[in-house]
């Protein structure tokens, strides 16, 4: 990896930061809401600051805090956090060909900064791993912008939580921020279908204790994703219907395939 000065001067570093800044407003709103929510839920300011800096995951923080406050068993909190963050296993597998040349400690450091929108923007820009395109500089630029857009408002929310009135509707602002970030991740019909299935599963399982409907929704979305991406007949039929075609190929196309065989 290049020196810090060379990385900061690289054009791709600035490009990554600039592209991430376009979505940083929603990230900042979400960070502020999460910071306030942690303190309002009963966490002390030092504990909330430590959680924000160490966990650095808004969705898992918002999922775990209510469970912690009502005395949920530790295994349920861990299971919820694991399910919420399962997507990062997929992100890491996708990023591995790009960064496998770096030592393990550097890869672990990069892993701390991994985030949803970083993944989306990075994969849109770089279709395959290359050493001469400034991919690592782009990743660092976007990651630092994302980290700052999250941590600064989160710290502000934690420190000023006691003086921010609850009637400001921060919860609703957080929902809007999450919806905006979610919409930016719906890159195709298959992803949108998985999101709809997850929403339906969450509504159906809403009565479960300890907010286990979150786990059910994530499990449903993962199953749908595996079904579609697995390449089986059922997955191909789902993809065909999402693309507006029937589950069977046109007869003429089938006859041409038979003739070619």
C-alpha atoms as a PDB file:
ATOM      1  CA  UNK A   1       0.000   0.000   0.000  1.00  0.00           C
ATOM      2  CA  UNK A   2       1.276   3.487  -0.842  1.00  0.00           C
ATOM      3  CA  UNK A   3       2.354   5.967   1.804  1.00  0.00           C
ATOM      4  CA  UNK A   4      -0.295   8.144   3.430  1.00  0.00           C
ATOM      5  CA  UNK A   5       0.838  11.234   1.524  1.00  0.00           C
ATOM      6  CA  UNK A   6       0.797   9.471  -1.845  1.00  0.00           C
ATOM      7  CA  UNK A   7      -2.642   8.028  -1.113  1.00  0.00           C
ATOM      8  CA  UNK A   8      -4.088  11.423  -0.177  1.00  0.00           C
ATOM      9  CA  UNK A   9      -2.702  13.009  -3.347  1.00  0.00           C
ATOM     10  CA  UNK A  10      -3.960  10.275  -5.659  1.00  0.00           C
ATOM     11  CA  UNK A  11      -6.776  11.369  -8.048  1.00  0.00           C
ATOM     12  CA  UNK A  12      -8.797   8.245  -7.225  1.00  0.00           C
ATOM     13  CA  UNK A  13      -8.717   9.128  -3.509  1.00  0.00           C
ATOM     14  CA  UNK A  14     -10.400  12.436  -4.294  1.00  0.00           C
ATOM     15  CA  UNK A  15     -12.799  10.725  -6.688  1.00  0.00           C
ATOM     16  CA  UNK A  16     -13.862   8.212  -4.054  1.00  0.00           C
ATOM     17  CA  UNK A  17     -14.412  10.936  -1.467  1.00  0.00           C
ATOM     18  CA  UNK A  18     -16.372  13.060  -3.958  1.00  0.00           C
ATOM     19  CA  UNK A  19     -18.712  10.242  -4.982  1.00  0.00           C
ATOM     20  CA  UNK A  20     -19.344   9.235  -1.384  1.00  0.00           C
ATOM     21  CA  UNK A  21     -20.086  12.836  -0.419  1.00  0.00           C
ATOM     22  CA  UNK A  22     -23.119  12.702  -2.693  1.00  0.00           C
ATOM     23  CA  UNK A  23     -24.847  10.250  -0.345  1.00  0.00           C
ATOM     24  CA  UNK A  24     -23.285  11.433   2.916  1.00  0.00           C
ATOM     25  CA  UNK A  25     -26.312  13.537   3.928  1.00  0.00           C
ATOM     26  CA  UNK A  26     -28.445  10.455   4.478  1.00  0.00           C
ATOM     27  CA  UNK A  27     -25.591   8.751   6.316  1.00  0.00           C
ATOM     28  CA  UNK A  28     -25.180  11.817   8.561  1.00  0.00           C
ATOM     29  CA  UNK A  29     -28.898  11.895   9.406  1.00  0.00           C
ATOM     30  CA  UNK A  30     -28.811   8.215  10.277  1.00  0.00           C
ATOM     31  CA  UNK A  31     -25.690   8.675  12.407  1.00  0.00           C
ATOM     32  CA  UNK A  32     -27.284  11.544  14.357  1.00  0.00           C
ATOM     33  CA  UNK A  33     -30.429   9.521  15.012  1.00  0.00           C
ATOM     34  CA  UNK A  34     -28.405   6.513  16.160  1.00  0.00           C
ATOM     35  CA  UNK A  35     -26.285   8.623  18.502  1.00  0.00           C
ATOM     36  CA  UNK A  36     -29.353  10.130  20.146  1.00  0.00           C
ATOM     37  CA  UNK A  37     -31.088   6.741  20.326  1.00  0.00           C
ATOM     38  CA  UNK A  38     -28.172   5.120  22.150  1.00  0.00           C
ATOM     39  CA  UNK A  39     -28.227   7.668  24.976  1.00  0.00           C
ATOM     40  CA  UNK A  40     -32.033   7.918  25.127  1.00  0.00           C
ATOM     41  CA  UNK A  41     -32.146   4.131  25.489  1.00  0.00           C
ATOM     42  CA  UNK A  42     -30.070   4.286  28.668  1.00  0.00           C
ATOM     43  CA  UNK A  43     -26.449   3.895  27.579  1.00  0.00           C
ATOM     44  CA  UNK A  44     -23.955   6.204  29.249  1.00  0.00           C
ATOM     45  CA  UNK A  45     -22.122   8.712  27.069  1.00  0.00           C
ATOM     46  CA  UNK A  46     -18.755   6.866  27.335  1.00  0.00           C
ATOM     47  CA  UNK A  47     -20.398   3.531  26.495  1.00  0.00           C
ATOM     48  CA  UNK A  48     -22.265   5.057  23.549  1.00  0.00           C
ATOM     49  CA  UNK A  49     -19.078   6.654  22.220  1.00  0.00           C
ATOM     50  CA  UNK A  50     -17.206   3.357  22.538  1.00  0.00           C
ATOM     51  CA  UNK A  51     -20.005   1.485  20.769  1.00  0.00           C
ATOM     52  CA  UNK A  52     -20.130   4.001  17.917  1.00  0.00           C
ATOM     53  CA  UNK A  53     -16.372   3.905  17.341  1.00  0.00           C
ATOM     54  CA  UNK A  54     -15.863   0.169  17.792  1.00  0.00           C
ATOM     55  CA  UNK A  55     -18.994  -1.280  16.207  1.00  0.00           C
ATOM     56  CA  UNK A  56     -19.385   1.290  13.415  1.00  0.00           C
ATOM     57  CA  UNK A  57     -22.609  -0.291  12.156  1.00  0.00           C
ATOM     58  CA  UNK A  58     -25.818   1.689  12.330  1.00  0.00           C
ATOM     59  CA  UNK A  59     -28.220  -1.137  11.570  1.00  0.00           C
ATOM     60  CA  UNK A  60     -26.735  -3.508  14.129  1.00  0.00           C
ATOM     61  CA  UNK A  61     -26.521  -0.751  16.753  1.00  0.00           C
ATOM     62  CA  UNK A  62     -30.184   0.139  16.335  1.00  0.00           C
ATOM     63  CA  UNK A  63     -31.096  -3.553  16.412  1.00  0.00           C
ATOM     64  CA  UNK A  64     -29.024  -4.434  19.485  1.00  0.00           C
ATOM     65  CA  UNK A  65     -29.704  -1.443  21.738  1.00  0.00           C
ATOM     66  CA  UNK A  66     -33.425  -2.122  22.396  1.00  0.00           C
ATOM     67  CA  UNK A  67     -32.604  -5.767  23.086  1.00  0.00           C
ATOM     68  CA  UNK A  68     -29.930  -4.766  25.582  1.00  0.00           C
ATOM     69  CA  UNK A  69     -32.258  -2.361  27.356  1.00  0.00           C
ATOM     70  CA  UNK A  70     -34.980  -4.978  28.012  1.00  0.00           C
ATOM     71  CA  UNK A  71     -32.573  -7.613  29.302  1.00  0.00           C
ATOM     72  CA  UNK A  72     -32.662  -9.877  26.268  1.00  0.00           C
ATOM     73  CA  UNK A  73     -30.475 -12.992  26.567  1.00  0.00           C
ATOM     74  CA  UNK A  74     -26.982 -12.441  25.245  1.00  0.00           C
ATOM     75  CA  UNK A  75     -27.316 -15.192  22.651  1.00  0.00           C
ATOM     76  CA  UNK A  76     -30.316 -13.444  21.106  1.00  0.00           C
ATOM     77  CA  UNK A  77     -28.371 -10.151  20.879  1.00  0.00           C
ATOM     78  CA  UNK A  78     -25.401 -11.918  19.299  1.00  0.00           C
ATOM     79  CA  UNK A  79     -27.642 -13.835  16.878  1.00  0.00           C
ATOM     80  CA  UNK A  80     -29.418 -10.644  15.861  1.00  0.00           C
ATOM     81  CA  UNK A  81     -26.146  -8.789  15.321  1.00  0.00           C
ATOM     82  CA  UNK A  82     -24.754 -11.714  13.322  1.00  0.00           C
ATOM     83  CA  UNK A  83     -27.802 -11.890  11.071  1.00  0.00           C
ATOM     84  CA  UNK A  84     -27.916  -8.135  10.522  1.00  0.00           C
ATOM     85  CA  UNK A  85     -24.242  -8.116   9.506  1.00  0.00           C
ATOM     86  CA  UNK A  86     -24.234 -11.268   7.380  1.00  0.00           C
ATOM     87  CA  UNK A  87     -24.163  -9.116   4.259  1.00  0.00           C
ATOM     88  CA  UNK A  88     -20.586  -8.116   5.084  1.00  0.00           C
ATOM     89  CA  UNK A  89     -19.480 -11.701   4.517  1.00  0.00           C
ATOM     90  CA  UNK A  90     -20.682 -11.304   0.929  1.00  0.00           C
ATOM     91  CA  UNK A  91     -19.064  -7.877   0.632  1.00  0.00           C
ATOM     92  CA  UNK A  92     -15.750  -9.245   1.911  1.00  0.00           C
ATOM     93  CA  UNK A  93     -15.832 -12.162  -0.524  1.00  0.00           C
ATOM     94  CA  UNK A  94     -16.422  -9.739  -3.398  1.00  0.00           C
ATOM     95  CA  UNK A  95     -13.629  -7.416  -2.257  1.00  0.00           C
ATOM     96  CA  UNK A  96     -11.082 -10.183  -1.641  1.00  0.00           C
ATOM     97  CA  UNK A  97      -9.746 -10.379  -5.240  1.00  0.00           C
ATOM     98  CA  UNK A  98      -9.128  -6.625  -5.156  1.00  0.00           C
ATOM     99  CA  UNK A  99      -7.211  -6.530  -1.873  1.00  0.00           C
ATOM    100  CA  UNK A 100      -5.758 -10.014  -1.386  1.00  0.00           C
ATOM    101  CA  UNK A 101      -2.270  -8.741  -2.269  1.00  0.00           C
ATOM    102  CA  UNK A 102      -2.098  -6.760   0.983  1.00  0.00           C
ATOM    103  CA  UNK A 103      -0.895  -8.222   4.307  1.00  0.00           C
ATOM    104  CA  UNK A 104      -3.526  -9.593   6.639  1.00  0.00           C
ATOM    105  CA  UNK A 105      -3.312  -6.726   9.134  1.00  0.00           C
ATOM    106  CA  UNK A 106      -3.955  -4.228   6.348  1.00  0.00           C
ATOM    107  CA  UNK A 107      -6.934  -6.234   5.107  1.00  0.00           C
ATOM    108  CA  UNK A 108      -8.333  -6.299   8.634  1.00  0.00           C
ATOM    109  CA  UNK A 109      -7.906  -2.524   8.854  1.00  0.00           C
ATOM    110  CA  UNK A 110      -9.709  -2.075   5.541  1.00  0.00           C
ATOM    111  CA  UNK A 111     -12.469  -4.388   6.760  1.00  0.00           C
ATOM    112  CA  UNK A 112     -13.277  -2.011   9.614  1.00  0.00           C
ATOM    113  CA  UNK A 113     -14.231   0.668   7.079  1.00  0.00           C
ATOM    114  CA  UNK A 114     -16.395  -1.575   4.888  1.00  0.00           C
ATOM    115  CA  UNK A 115     -19.925  -0.234   4.456  1.00  0.00           C
ATOM    116  CA  UNK A 116     -22.923  -0.782   2.216  1.00  0.00           C
ATOM    117  CA  UNK A 117     -22.628   2.279   0.032  1.00  0.00           C
ATOM    118  CA  UNK A 118     -18.853   1.910  -0.201  1.00  0.00           C
ATOM    119  CA  UNK A 119     -19.470  -1.508  -1.687  1.00  0.00           C
ATOM    120  CA  UNK A 120     -22.096  -0.270  -4.151  1.00  0.00           C
ATOM    121  CA  UNK A 121     -20.021   2.656  -5.442  1.00  0.00           C
ATOM    122  CA  UNK A 122     -16.797   0.645  -5.594  1.00  0.00           C
ATOM    123  CA  UNK A 123     -18.287  -2.245  -7.557  1.00  0.00           C
ATOM    124  CA  UNK A 124     -20.001   0.134  -9.977  1.00  0.00           C
ATOM    125  CA  UNK A 125     -16.688   1.803 -10.755  1.00  0.00           C
ATOM    126  CA  UNK A 126     -14.338  -1.196 -10.857  1.00  0.00           C
ATOM    127  CA  UNK A 127     -15.575  -4.291 -12.651  1.00  0.00           C
ATOM    128  CA  UNK A 128     -12.401  -6.350 -12.139  1.00  0.00           C
ATOM    129  CA  UNK A 129      -9.280  -6.237  -9.935  1.00  0.00           C
ATOM    130  CA  UNK A 130      -6.357  -4.233 -11.318  1.00  0.00           C
ATOM    131  CA  UNK A 131      -3.289  -2.725  -9.697  1.00  0.00           C
ATOM    132  CA  UNK A 132      -2.982   0.316 -11.949  1.00  0.00           C
ATOM    133  CA  UNK A 133      -6.400   1.953 -11.531  1.00  0.00           C
ATOM    134  CA  UNK A 134      -6.046   3.374  -8.036  1.00  0.00           C
ATOM    135  CA  UNK A 135      -8.644   1.004  -6.613  1.00  0.00           C
ATOM    136  CA  UNK A 136      -7.265   1.016  -3.080  1.00  0.00           C
ATOM    137  CA  UNK A 137      -6.994   4.828  -3.117  1.00  0.00           C
ATOM    138  CA  UNK A 138     -10.599   5.099  -4.268  1.00  0.00           C
ATOM    139  CA  UNK A 139     -11.696   2.719  -1.513  1.00  0.00           C
ATOM    140  CA  UNK A 140      -9.847   4.673   1.173  1.00  0.00           C
ATOM    141  CA  UNK A 141     -11.175   8.023  -0.040  1.00  0.00           C
ATOM    142  CA  UNK A 142     -14.781   6.825  -0.029  1.00  0.00           C
ATOM    143  CA  UNK A 143     -14.355   4.974   3.262  1.00  0.00           C
ATOM    144  CA  UNK A 144     -12.930   7.973   5.113  1.00  0.00           C
ATOM    145  CA  UNK A 145     -15.731  10.182   3.810  1.00  0.00           C
ATOM    146  CA  UNK A 146     -18.308   7.599   4.872  1.00  0.00           C
ATOM    147  CA  UNK A 147     -16.692   7.155   8.304  1.00  0.00           C
ATOM    148  CA  UNK A 148     -16.617  10.913   8.911  1.00  0.00           C
ATOM    149  CA  UNK A 149     -20.206  11.381   7.701  1.00  0.00           C
ATOM    150  CA  UNK A 150     -21.299   8.752  10.209  1.00  0.00           C
ATOM    151  CA  UNK A 151     -19.089   9.319  13.245  1.00  0.00           C
ATOM    152  CA  UNK A 152     -19.211  13.120  13.503  1.00  0.00           C
ATOM    153  CA  UNK A 153     -23.047  13.366  13.587  1.00  0.00           C
ATOM    154  CA  UNK A 154     -23.190  10.260  15.786  1.00  0.00           C
ATOM    155  CA  UNK A 155     -20.853  11.821  18.359  1.00  0.00           C
ATOM    156  CA  UNK A 156     -22.871  15.052  18.217  1.00  0.00           C
ATOM    157  CA  UNK A 157     -26.062  13.065  18.846  1.00  0.00           C
ATOM    158  CA  UNK A 158     -24.471  11.228  21.773  1.00  0.00           C
ATOM    159  CA  UNK A 159     -23.089  14.350  23.450  1.00  0.00           C
ATOM    160  CA  UNK A 160     -26.194  16.482  22.904  1.00  0.00           C
ATOM    161  CA  UNK A 161     -28.816  13.745  23.339  1.00  0.00           C
ATOM    162  CA  UNK A 162     -30.083  15.201  26.624  1.00  0.00           C
ATOM    163  CA  UNK A 163     -30.716  18.633  25.114  1.00  0.00           C
ATOM    164  CA  UNK A 164     -32.283  17.470  21.823  1.00  0.00           C
ATOM    165  CA  UNK A 165     -36.081  17.420  22.286  1.00  0.00           C
ATOM    166  CA  UNK A 166     -37.748  14.131  21.441  1.00  0.00           C
ATOM    167  CA  UNK A 167     -40.587  15.975  19.658  1.00  0.00           C
ATOM    168  CA  UNK A 168     -38.172  16.850  16.843  1.00  0.00           C
ATOM    169  CA  UNK A 169     -39.200  13.572  15.256  1.00  0.00           C
ATOM    170  CA  UNK A 170     -35.716  12.107  15.048  1.00  0.00           C
ATOM    171  CA  UNK A 171     -37.121   8.606  14.813  1.00  0.00           C
ATOM    172  CA  UNK A 172     -39.022   9.518  11.675  1.00  0.00           C
ATOM    173  CA  UNK A 173     -35.926  11.217  10.266  1.00  0.00           C
ATOM    174  CA  UNK A 174     -34.002   8.026  10.880  1.00  0.00           C
ATOM    175  CA  UNK A 175     -36.625   6.001   9.023  1.00  0.00           C
ATOM    176  CA  UNK A 176     -36.380   8.374   6.066  1.00  0.00           C
ATOM    177  CA  UNK A 177     -32.589   8.118   6.072  1.00  0.00           C
ATOM    178  CA  UNK A 178     -32.765   4.328   6.149  1.00  0.00           C
ATOM    179  CA  UNK A 179     -35.286   4.277   3.325  1.00  0.00           C
ATOM    180  CA  UNK A 180     -33.025   6.493   1.228  1.00  0.00           C
ATOM    181  CA  UNK A 181     -30.011   4.254   1.830  1.00  0.00           C
ATOM    182  CA  UNK A 182     -32.084   1.131   1.160  1.00  0.00           C
ATOM    183  CA  UNK A 183     -33.367   2.510  -2.128  1.00  0.00           C
ATOM    184  CA  UNK A 184     -29.814   3.214  -3.272  1.00  0.00           C
ATOM    185  CA  UNK A 185     -28.962  -0.486  -2.760  1.00  0.00           C
ATOM    186  CA  UNK A 186     -31.835  -1.793  -4.907  1.00  0.00           C
ATOM    187  CA  UNK A 187     -29.733  -2.178  -8.032  1.00  0.00           C
ATOM    188  CA  UNK A 188     -31.903  -4.733  -9.875  1.00  0.00           C
ATOM    189  CA  UNK A 189     -35.266  -6.515  -9.793  1.00  0.00           C
ATOM    190  CA  UNK A 190     -33.879  -9.542  -7.988  1.00  0.00           C
ATOM    191  CA  UNK A 191     -32.608  -7.386  -5.116  1.00  0.00           C
ATOM    192  CA  UNK A 192     -35.912  -5.518  -4.976  1.00  0.00           C
ATOM    193  CA  UNK A 193     -37.765  -8.830  -4.856  1.00  0.00           C
ATOM    194  CA  UNK A 194     -35.637  -9.994  -1.909  1.00  0.00           C
ATOM    195  CA  UNK A 195     -36.349  -6.687  -0.139  1.00  0.00           C
ATOM    196  CA  UNK A 196     -40.103  -7.114  -0.641  1.00  0.00           C
ATOM    197  CA  UNK A 197     -39.946 -10.674   0.712  1.00  0.00           C
ATOM    198  CA  UNK A 198     -37.982  -9.459   3.748  1.00  0.00           C
ATOM    199  CA  UNK A 199     -40.533  -6.712   4.408  1.00  0.00           C
ATOM    200  CA  UNK A 200     -43.401  -9.186   4.177  1.00  0.00           C
ATOM    201  CA  UNK A 201     -41.652 -11.610   6.515  1.00  0.00           C
ATOM    202  CA  UNK A 202     -40.989  -8.821   9.033  1.00  0.00           C
ATOM    203  CA  UNK A 203     -44.661  -7.804   9.056  1.00  0.00           C
ATOM    204  CA  UNK A 204     -45.808 -11.422   9.386  1.00  0.00           C
ATOM    205  CA  UNK A 205     -43.429 -12.096  12.292  1.00  0.00           C
ATOM    206  CA  UNK A 206     -43.830  -8.722  14.029  1.00  0.00           C
ATOM    207  CA  UNK A 207     -45.500 -10.293  17.084  1.00  0.00           C
ATOM    208  CA  UNK A 208     -42.430 -12.376  17.958  1.00  0.00           C
ATOM    209  CA  UNK A 209     -40.638 -11.383  21.198  1.00  0.00           C
ATOM    210  CA  UNK A 210     -37.211  -9.745  21.424  1.00  0.00           C
ATOM    211  CA  UNK A 211     -37.652  -8.201  17.944  1.00  0.00           C
ATOM    212  CA  UNK A 212     -36.957 -11.558  16.378  1.00  0.00           C
ATOM    213  CA  UNK A 213     -38.939 -10.414  13.351  1.00  0.00           C
ATOM    214  CA  UNK A 214     -35.666  -8.766  12.250  1.00  0.00           C
ATOM    215  CA  UNK A 215     -33.940 -12.152  12.230  1.00  0.00           C
ATOM    216  CA  UNK A 216     -36.868 -13.706  10.351  1.00  0.00           C
ATOM    217  CA  UNK A 217     -36.801 -10.952   7.719  1.00  0.00           C
ATOM    218  CA  UNK A 218     -33.050 -11.307   7.182  1.00  0.00           C
ATOM    219  CA  UNK A 219     -33.307 -15.092   6.935  1.00  0.00           C
ATOM    220  CA  UNK A 220     -36.083 -14.777   4.349  1.00  0.00           C
ATOM    221  CA  UNK A 221     -34.061 -12.316   2.256  1.00  0.00           C
ATOM    222  CA  UNK A 222     -30.960 -14.521   2.417  1.00  0.00           C
ATOM    223  CA  UNK A 223     -32.952 -17.585   1.343  1.00  0.00           C
ATOM    224  CA  UNK A 224     -34.434 -15.702  -1.608  1.00  0.00           C
ATOM    225  CA  UNK A 225     -31.007 -14.401  -2.603  1.00  0.00           C
ATOM    226  CA  UNK A 226     -29.498 -17.895  -2.469  1.00  0.00           C
ATOM    227  CA  UNK A 227     -32.428 -19.269  -4.453  1.00  0.00           C
ATOM    228  CA  UNK A 228     -32.009 -16.700  -7.209  1.00  0.00           C
ATOM    229  CA  UNK A 229     -28.205 -16.731  -7.319  1.00  0.00           C
ATOM    230  CA  UNK A 230     -27.893 -20.495  -6.956  1.00  0.00           C
ATOM    231  CA  UNK A 231     -28.549 -21.118 -10.624  1.00  0.00           C
ATOM    232  CA  UNK A 232     -31.151 -23.842 -10.031  1.00  0.00           C
ATOM    233  CA  UNK A 233     -34.353 -24.265 -12.004  1.00  0.00           C
ATOM    234  CA  UNK A 234     -36.433 -22.501  -9.374  1.00  0.00           C
ATOM    235  CA  UNK A 235     -34.053 -19.554  -9.300  1.00  0.00           C
ATOM    236  CA  UNK A 236     -34.059 -19.318 -13.086  1.00  0.00           C
ATOM    237  CA  UNK A 237     -37.859 -19.281 -13.133  1.00  0.00           C
ATOM    238  CA  UNK A 238     -37.932 -16.479 -10.575  1.00  0.00           C
ATOM    239  CA  UNK A 239     -35.417 -14.463 -12.594  1.00  0.00           C
ATOM    240  CA  UNK A 240     -37.389 -15.045 -15.782  1.00  0.00           C
ATOM    241  CA  UNK A 241     -40.593 -13.776 -14.181  1.00  0.00           C
ATOM    242  CA  UNK A 242     -38.835 -10.749 -12.709  1.00  0.00           C
ATOM    243  CA  UNK A 243     -37.594  -9.909 -16.187  1.00  0.00           C
ATOM    244  CA  UNK A 244     -41.088 -10.118 -17.595  1.00  0.00           C
ATOM    245  CA  UNK A 245     -40.789 -13.483 -19.329  1.00  0.00           C
ATOM    246  CA  UNK A 246     -42.433 -16.819 -18.728  1.00  0.00           C
ATOM    247  CA  UNK A 247     -40.731 -19.584 -16.859  1.00  0.00           C
ATOM    248  CA  UNK A 248     -40.164 -21.546 -20.062  1.00  0.00           C
ATOM    249  CA  UNK A 249     -38.086 -20.352 -23.014  1.00  0.00           C
ATOM    250  CA  UNK A 250     -39.863 -19.651 -26.312  1.00  0.00           C
ATOM    251  CA  UNK A 251     -40.512 -22.749 -28.417  1.00  0.00           C
ATOM    252  CA  UNK A 252     -38.474 -21.455 -31.333  1.00  0.00           C
ATOM    253  CA  UNK A 253     -35.531 -20.850 -29.041  1.00  0.00           C
ATOM    254  CA  UNK A 254     -35.857 -24.388 -27.651  1.00  0.00           C
ATOM    255  CA  UNK A 255     -35.929 -25.872 -31.153  1.00  0.00           C
ATOM    256  CA  UNK A 256     -32.811 -23.900 -32.108  1.00  0.00           C
ATOM    257  CA  UNK A 257     -31.010 -25.237 -29.044  1.00  0.00           C
ATOM    258  CA  UNK A 258     -32.035 -28.805 -29.942  1.00  0.00           C
ATOM    259  CA  UNK A 259     -30.800 -28.346 -33.512  1.00  0.00           C
ATOM    260  CA  UNK A 260     -27.500 -26.940 -32.289  1.00  0.00           C
ATOM    261  CA  UNK A 261     -27.089 -29.948 -30.005  1.00  0.00           C
END
